[in-house]
Amino acid sequence: MGCLCLKMRLLVIFTGVLVLFISACNNSTNNGTNVNQETEVPKIINVEIEIEKNQLEVGETVKVDAIVTQGNEAVEDASDVSFEVFEKDIDSDHEMIVGEHTDNGIYTIQKTFEKEGTYIIVAHVTARDQHAMPRTELKVGNPVANDHETEHSHEHDGHTEGNLTIDFKHDELISGKPILLDAQPVLEGNPVVDSMVKFEIWGEHESRHEFIQAEEVRDGVYQSTFQFEEEGTYFVVVHLQNEELHEHIEHELTVKSE
């Protein structure tokens, strides 16, 4: 009788342990499922430049807006919105003007143009761990076309900002094939390590920009792969960011079919 009671107790204990184990496994599985279901890829931020008019008189002031959205939501918390203004095809200074947030995701500057010429305005927007750089063009007065090529031309494969150099390399540009993108920033002769590098890519007639995170494969060498699905003209911006630097370079690429 005592032996039977002992067996019954052991059976009850074993059953209880088994129930607890199965319950724990089910909770773990459900939690994992919920995490996967709740994980969503963030939507790309969209930036549109609106300007009162694209033809100005010398000395005229114009209002420039950058309208920042993400999906159907106005982005009110952009961490940085700056407007880069420079004269096209001229080796001139690049002026950076910080935008003032008004409402509904709109960031604004007022700019007076005192010199005749064709100008480029680039809106540099950093928001929600993304970066966008749309551009627009305007004319002041009646500028004469200037074919002078400068260091700002997209044909250059390197970019220098002070003592910082970013070397950009890539495989042969063939549509439908994975292409290796390689960025090597150097500051005062030393490779720039432990930084965030992204490749921003879009086609000539596309408004959607893709952001590709690069991996630091060795000290100061950041690489990623990308596949251009069609031949044509594309733009690639290399973004470099760390605690001390926030730089970028832009290149124009021509992709051919095999």
Protein backbone atom coordinates (compact mmCIF):
# COMPACT_ATOMS: atom_id res chain seq x y z
CA MET A 1 0.00 0.00 0.00
CA GLY A 2 2.85 2.36 0.92
CA CYS A 3 4.59 1.52 -2.36
CA LEU A 4 1.41 2.31 -4.33
CA CYS A 5 1.05 5.70 -2.62
CA LEU A 6 4.64 6.54 -3.44
CA LYS A 7 4.09 5.69 -7.11
CA MET A 8 0.95 7.84 -7.23
CA ARG A 9 2.84 10.80 -5.75
CA LEU A 10 5.67 10.42 -8.25
CA LEU A 11 3.14 10.24 -11.11
CA VAL A 12 1.45 13.46 -9.94
CA ILE A 13 4.81 15.26 -9.65
CA PHE A 14 5.94 14.09 -13.10
CA THR A 15 2.62 15.14 -14.69
CA GLY A 16 2.90 18.60 -13.13
CA VAL A 17 6.45 19.10 -14.41
CA LEU A 18 5.44 17.97 -17.90
CA VAL A 19 2.51 20.44 -18.01
CA LEU A 20 4.78 23.31 -16.94
CA PHE A 21 7.37 22.40 -19.61
CA ILE A 22 4.78 22.28 -22.41
CA SER A 23 3.28 25.59 -21.29
CA ALA A 24 6.68 27.27 -21.29
CA CYS A 25 7.43 26.00 -24.79
CA ASN A 26 4.08 27.29 -26.10
CA ASN A 27 4.67 30.73 -24.59
CA SER A 28 8.12 30.91 -26.13
CA THR A 29 6.76 29.97 -29.54
CA ASN A 30 3.91 32.47 -29.32
CA ASN A 31 6.23 35.26 -28.23
CA GLY A 32 8.52 34.59 -31.15
CA THR A 33 5.59 34.60 -33.52
CA ASN A 34 4.33 37.91 -32.19
CA VAL A 35 7.73 39.54 -32.57
CA ASN A 36 7.94 38.46 -36.20
CA GLN A 37 4.41 39.62 -36.92
CA GLU A 38 5.01 43.04 -35.35
CA THR A 39 8.29 43.66 -37.16
CA GLU A 40 7.70 45.91 -40.16
CA VAL A 41 10.08 47.50 -42.62
CA PRO A 42 9.84 51.29 -42.16
CA LYS A 43 8.52 53.24 -45.11
CA ILE A 44 10.97 55.39 -47.05
CA ILE A 45 10.79 59.09 -46.25
CA ASN A 46 9.82 61.27 -49.17
CA VAL A 47 11.04 64.83 -49.62
CA GLU A 48 9.64 67.28 -52.17
CA ILE A 49 11.11 70.71 -52.80
CA GLU A 50 8.62 73.46 -53.52
CA ILE A 51 9.82 76.86 -54.70
CA GLU A 52 7.72 79.91 -55.47
CA LYS A 53 9.21 80.31 -58.94
CA ASN A 54 12.23 79.06 -60.86
CA GLN A 55 13.07 82.33 -62.63
CA LEU A 56 14.17 85.25 -60.45
CA GLU A 57 15.53 88.74 -60.86
CA VAL A 58 18.90 89.67 -59.36
CA GLY A 59 18.38 90.72 -55.74
CA GLU A 60 15.05 88.93 -55.45
CA THR A 61 14.20 86.84 -52.37
CA VAL A 62 12.47 83.48 -52.76
CA LYS A 63 10.90 81.04 -50.30
CA VAL A 64 11.96 77.40 -50.58
CA ASP A 65 10.11 74.57 -48.82
CA ALA A 66 11.07 70.97 -48.17
CA ILE A 67 7.95 68.87 -47.55
CA VAL A 68 8.86 65.71 -45.64
CA THR A 69 6.49 62.75 -45.42
CA GLN A 70 6.61 59.06 -44.57
CA GLY A 71 3.73 57.22 -46.17
CA ASN A 72 0.68 59.39 -45.44
CA GLU A 73 2.26 60.95 -42.34
CA ALA A 74 3.86 64.39 -42.20
CA VAL A 75 7.32 64.13 -40.61
CA GLU A 76 7.42 66.70 -37.81
CA ASP A 77 10.53 65.33 -36.07
CA ALA A 78 13.27 65.50 -38.71
CA SER A 79 16.64 65.67 -36.96
CA ASP A 80 18.22 67.86 -39.65
CA VAL A 81 16.92 69.77 -42.68
CA SER A 82 19.48 71.94 -44.42
CA PHE A 83 19.47 73.51 -47.86
CA GLU A 84 22.68 73.52 -49.90
CA VAL A 85 22.83 76.35 -52.44
CA PHE A 86 25.52 76.71 -55.08
CA GLU A 87 25.99 77.99 -58.61
CA LYS A 88 25.81 75.32 -61.30
CA ASP A 89 28.98 74.45 -63.25
CA ILE A 90 30.97 77.07 -61.35
CA ASP A 91 33.68 76.37 -58.78
CA SER A 92 31.90 78.45 -56.13
CA ASP A 93 31.20 78.23 -52.43
CA HIS A 94 28.40 75.94 -51.28
CA GLU A 95 26.16 77.73 -48.79
CA MET A 96 24.32 75.62 -46.20
CA ILE A 97 21.13 77.13 -44.73
CA VAL A 98 19.23 75.42 -41.89
CA GLY A 99 15.53 75.05 -42.58
CA GLU A 100 12.92 76.30 -40.13
CA HIS A 101 10.12 73.89 -39.28
CA THR A 102 6.66 75.41 -39.73
CA ASP A 103 3.95 72.72 -39.75
CA ASN A 104 2.68 69.64 -41.63
CA GLY A 105 6.23 68.41 -42.26
CA ILE A 106 7.26 71.64 -44.00
CA TYR A 107 10.75 73.09 -43.49
CA THR A 108 11.44 76.52 -44.99
CA ILE A 109 14.18 78.98 -45.88
CA GLN A 110 14.23 82.45 -47.43
CA LYS A 111 17.11 83.06 -49.83
CA THR A 112 18.14 86.25 -51.64
CA PHE A 113 20.17 85.84 -54.83
CA GLU A 114 22.47 88.80 -55.46
CA LYS A 115 24.27 87.40 -58.51
CA GLU A 116 23.07 86.34 -61.93
CA GLY A 117 23.45 82.63 -62.67
CA THR A 118 21.93 79.16 -62.63
CA TYR A 119 21.71 77.75 -59.11
CA ILE A 120 21.24 74.30 -57.63
CA ILE A 121 19.36 73.84 -54.36
CA VAL A 122 19.74 70.51 -52.56
CA ALA A 123 17.58 69.70 -49.54
CA HIS A 124 19.56 67.53 -47.12
CA VAL A 125 17.03 65.80 -44.89
CA THR A 126 17.86 63.39 -42.07
CA ALA A 127 14.81 61.89 -40.39
CA ARG A 128 14.00 58.62 -38.67
CA ASP A 129 17.37 57.04 -39.49
CA GLN A 130 17.00 57.86 -43.19
CA HIS A 131 18.54 60.48 -45.44
CA ALA A 132 17.19 62.08 -48.60
CA MET A 133 18.74 64.64 -50.96
CA PRO A 134 16.32 65.92 -53.62
CA ARG A 135 17.45 68.85 -55.73
CA THR A 136 15.98 71.56 -57.88
CA GLU A 137 17.34 74.25 -60.18
CA LEU A 138 16.53 77.91 -60.64
CA LYS A 139 17.79 80.80 -62.76
CA VAL A 140 18.60 84.30 -61.61
CA GLY A 141 18.60 86.96 -64.33
CA ASN A 142 19.64 85.73 -67.77
CA PRO A 143 22.70 83.54 -67.22
CA VAL A 144 24.88 82.48 -70.13
CA ALA A 145 25.39 78.72 -70.47
CA ASN A 146 28.72 77.65 -68.99
CA ASP A 147 30.30 74.40 -70.11
CA HIS A 148 33.17 74.62 -67.64
CA GLU A 149 33.64 71.33 -65.85
CA THR A 150 34.56 71.53 -62.18
CA GLU A 151 35.42 69.26 -59.34
CA HIS A 152 31.71 69.03 -58.56
CA SER A 153 31.13 67.02 -61.73
CA HIS A 154 29.69 63.53 -61.23
CA GLU A 155 32.49 62.08 -63.36
CA HIS A 156 34.92 62.11 -60.45
CA ASP A 157 35.36 58.90 -58.48
CA GLY A 158 36.68 60.64 -55.36
CA HIS A 159 35.46 63.44 -53.14
CA THR A 160 37.55 65.62 -50.88
CA GLU A 161 36.18 67.72 -48.03
CA GLY A 162 39.10 69.37 -46.21
CA ASN A 163 41.39 66.50 -45.25
CA LEU A 164 38.67 63.89 -45.79
CA THR A 165 38.72 61.79 -48.96
CA ILE A 166 36.09 59.21 -49.90
CA ASP A 167 37.10 56.84 -52.67
CA PHE A 168 34.19 55.13 -54.41
CA LYS A 169 34.62 52.02 -56.56
CA HIS A 170 32.27 49.54 -58.20
CA ASP A 171 32.21 46.49 -60.44
CA GLU A 172 31.36 46.70 -64.12
CA LEU A 173 27.87 48.17 -64.37
CA ILE A 174 25.75 45.47 -66.01
CA SER A 175 21.99 45.27 -65.48
CA GLY A 176 20.60 42.11 -63.90
CA LYS A 177 23.85 41.22 -62.12
CA PRO A 178 24.87 41.82 -58.47
CA ILE A 179 27.44 44.65 -58.36
CA LEU A 180 29.90 45.29 -55.54
CA LEU A 181 29.89 48.86 -54.23
CA ASP A 182 32.97 49.92 -52.29
CA ALA A 183 33.58 53.12 -50.28
CA GLN A 184 36.90 53.90 -48.58
CA PRO A 185 36.94 57.12 -46.51
CA VAL A 186 40.32 58.48 -45.41
CA LEU A 187 40.84 61.35 -42.96
CA GLU A 188 44.31 62.94 -42.75
CA GLY A 189 45.87 59.83 -44.24
CA ASN A 190 44.10 57.38 -41.91
CA PRO A 191 41.15 55.13 -42.76
CA VAL A 192 37.86 56.17 -41.16
CA VAL A 193 36.67 53.20 -39.11
CA ASP A 194 33.61 52.30 -37.03
CA SER A 195 31.26 54.52 -39.02
CA MET A 196 27.85 54.18 -40.62
CA VAL A 197 28.01 54.08 -44.41
CA LYS A 198 24.94 53.85 -46.61
CA PHE A 199 24.48 53.84 -50.38
CA GLU A 200 21.47 55.85 -51.55
CA ILE A 201 20.45 54.76 -55.08
CA TRP A 202 17.81 55.92 -57.53
CA GLY A 203 17.21 55.96 -61.27
CA GLU A 204 17.18 59.09 -63.41
CA HIS A 205 13.39 59.00 -63.78
CA GLU A 206 12.58 57.54 -60.36
CA SER A 207 11.38 59.35 -57.26
CA ARG A 208 11.89 56.40 -54.90
CA HIS A 209 15.34 56.18 -53.32
CA GLU A 210 16.75 52.90 -52.00
CA PHE A 211 19.07 52.92 -48.98
CA ILE A 212 21.62 50.09 -48.73
CA GLN A 213 23.56 49.62 -45.50
CA ALA A 214 27.26 48.93 -46.13
CA GLU A 215 29.35 46.57 -44.01
CA GLU A 216 32.86 47.44 -42.84
CA VAL A 217 34.68 44.38 -44.19
CA ARG A 218 38.04 45.63 -42.93
CA ASP A 219 39.36 48.86 -41.44
CA GLY A 220 37.96 51.76 -43.44
CA VAL A 221 36.55 49.61 -46.26
CA TYR A 222 32.75 49.58 -46.53
CA GLN A 223 31.03 47.33 -49.03
CA SER A 224 27.62 46.18 -50.15
CA THR A 225 26.05 44.68 -53.25
CA PHE A 226 23.25 46.02 -55.40
CA GLN A 227 21.54 44.81 -58.55
CA PHE A 228 20.41 47.33 -61.18
CA GLU A 229 17.46 45.69 -62.89
CA GLU A 230 17.50 47.84 -66.04
CA GLU A 231 20.04 49.74 -68.07
CA GLY A 232 20.07 53.51 -67.82
CA THR A 233 21.37 56.41 -65.76
CA TYR A 234 21.44 56.08 -61.98
CA PHE A 235 22.63 58.22 -59.09
CA VAL A 236 24.46 56.88 -56.04
CA VAL A 237 25.08 58.94 -52.91
CA VAL A 238 27.58 57.56 -50.39
CA HIS A 239 26.63 58.70 -46.89
CA LEU A 240 29.29 58.63 -44.16
CA GLN A 241 28.34 59.36 -40.56
CA ASN A 242 29.92 59.02 -37.12
CA GLU A 243 30.15 61.17 -34.00
CA GLU A 244 32.41 63.71 -35.72
CA LEU A 245 31.61 63.44 -39.44
CA HIS A 246 28.49 63.69 -41.57
CA GLU A 247 29.60 63.75 -45.19
CA HIS A 248 28.33 62.48 -48.51
CA ILE A 249 29.37 62.16 -52.13
CA GLU A 250 27.19 61.78 -55.20
CA HIS A 251 28.00 59.92 -58.42
CA GLU A 252 26.23 59.43 -61.72
CA LEU A 253 26.45 55.89 -63.10
CA THR A 254 25.58 54.48 -66.51
CA VAL A 255 24.33 50.90 -66.39
CA LYS A 256 24.46 48.85 -69.57
CA SER A 257 22.87 45.58 -70.61
CA GLU A 258 25.11 42.59 -71.12
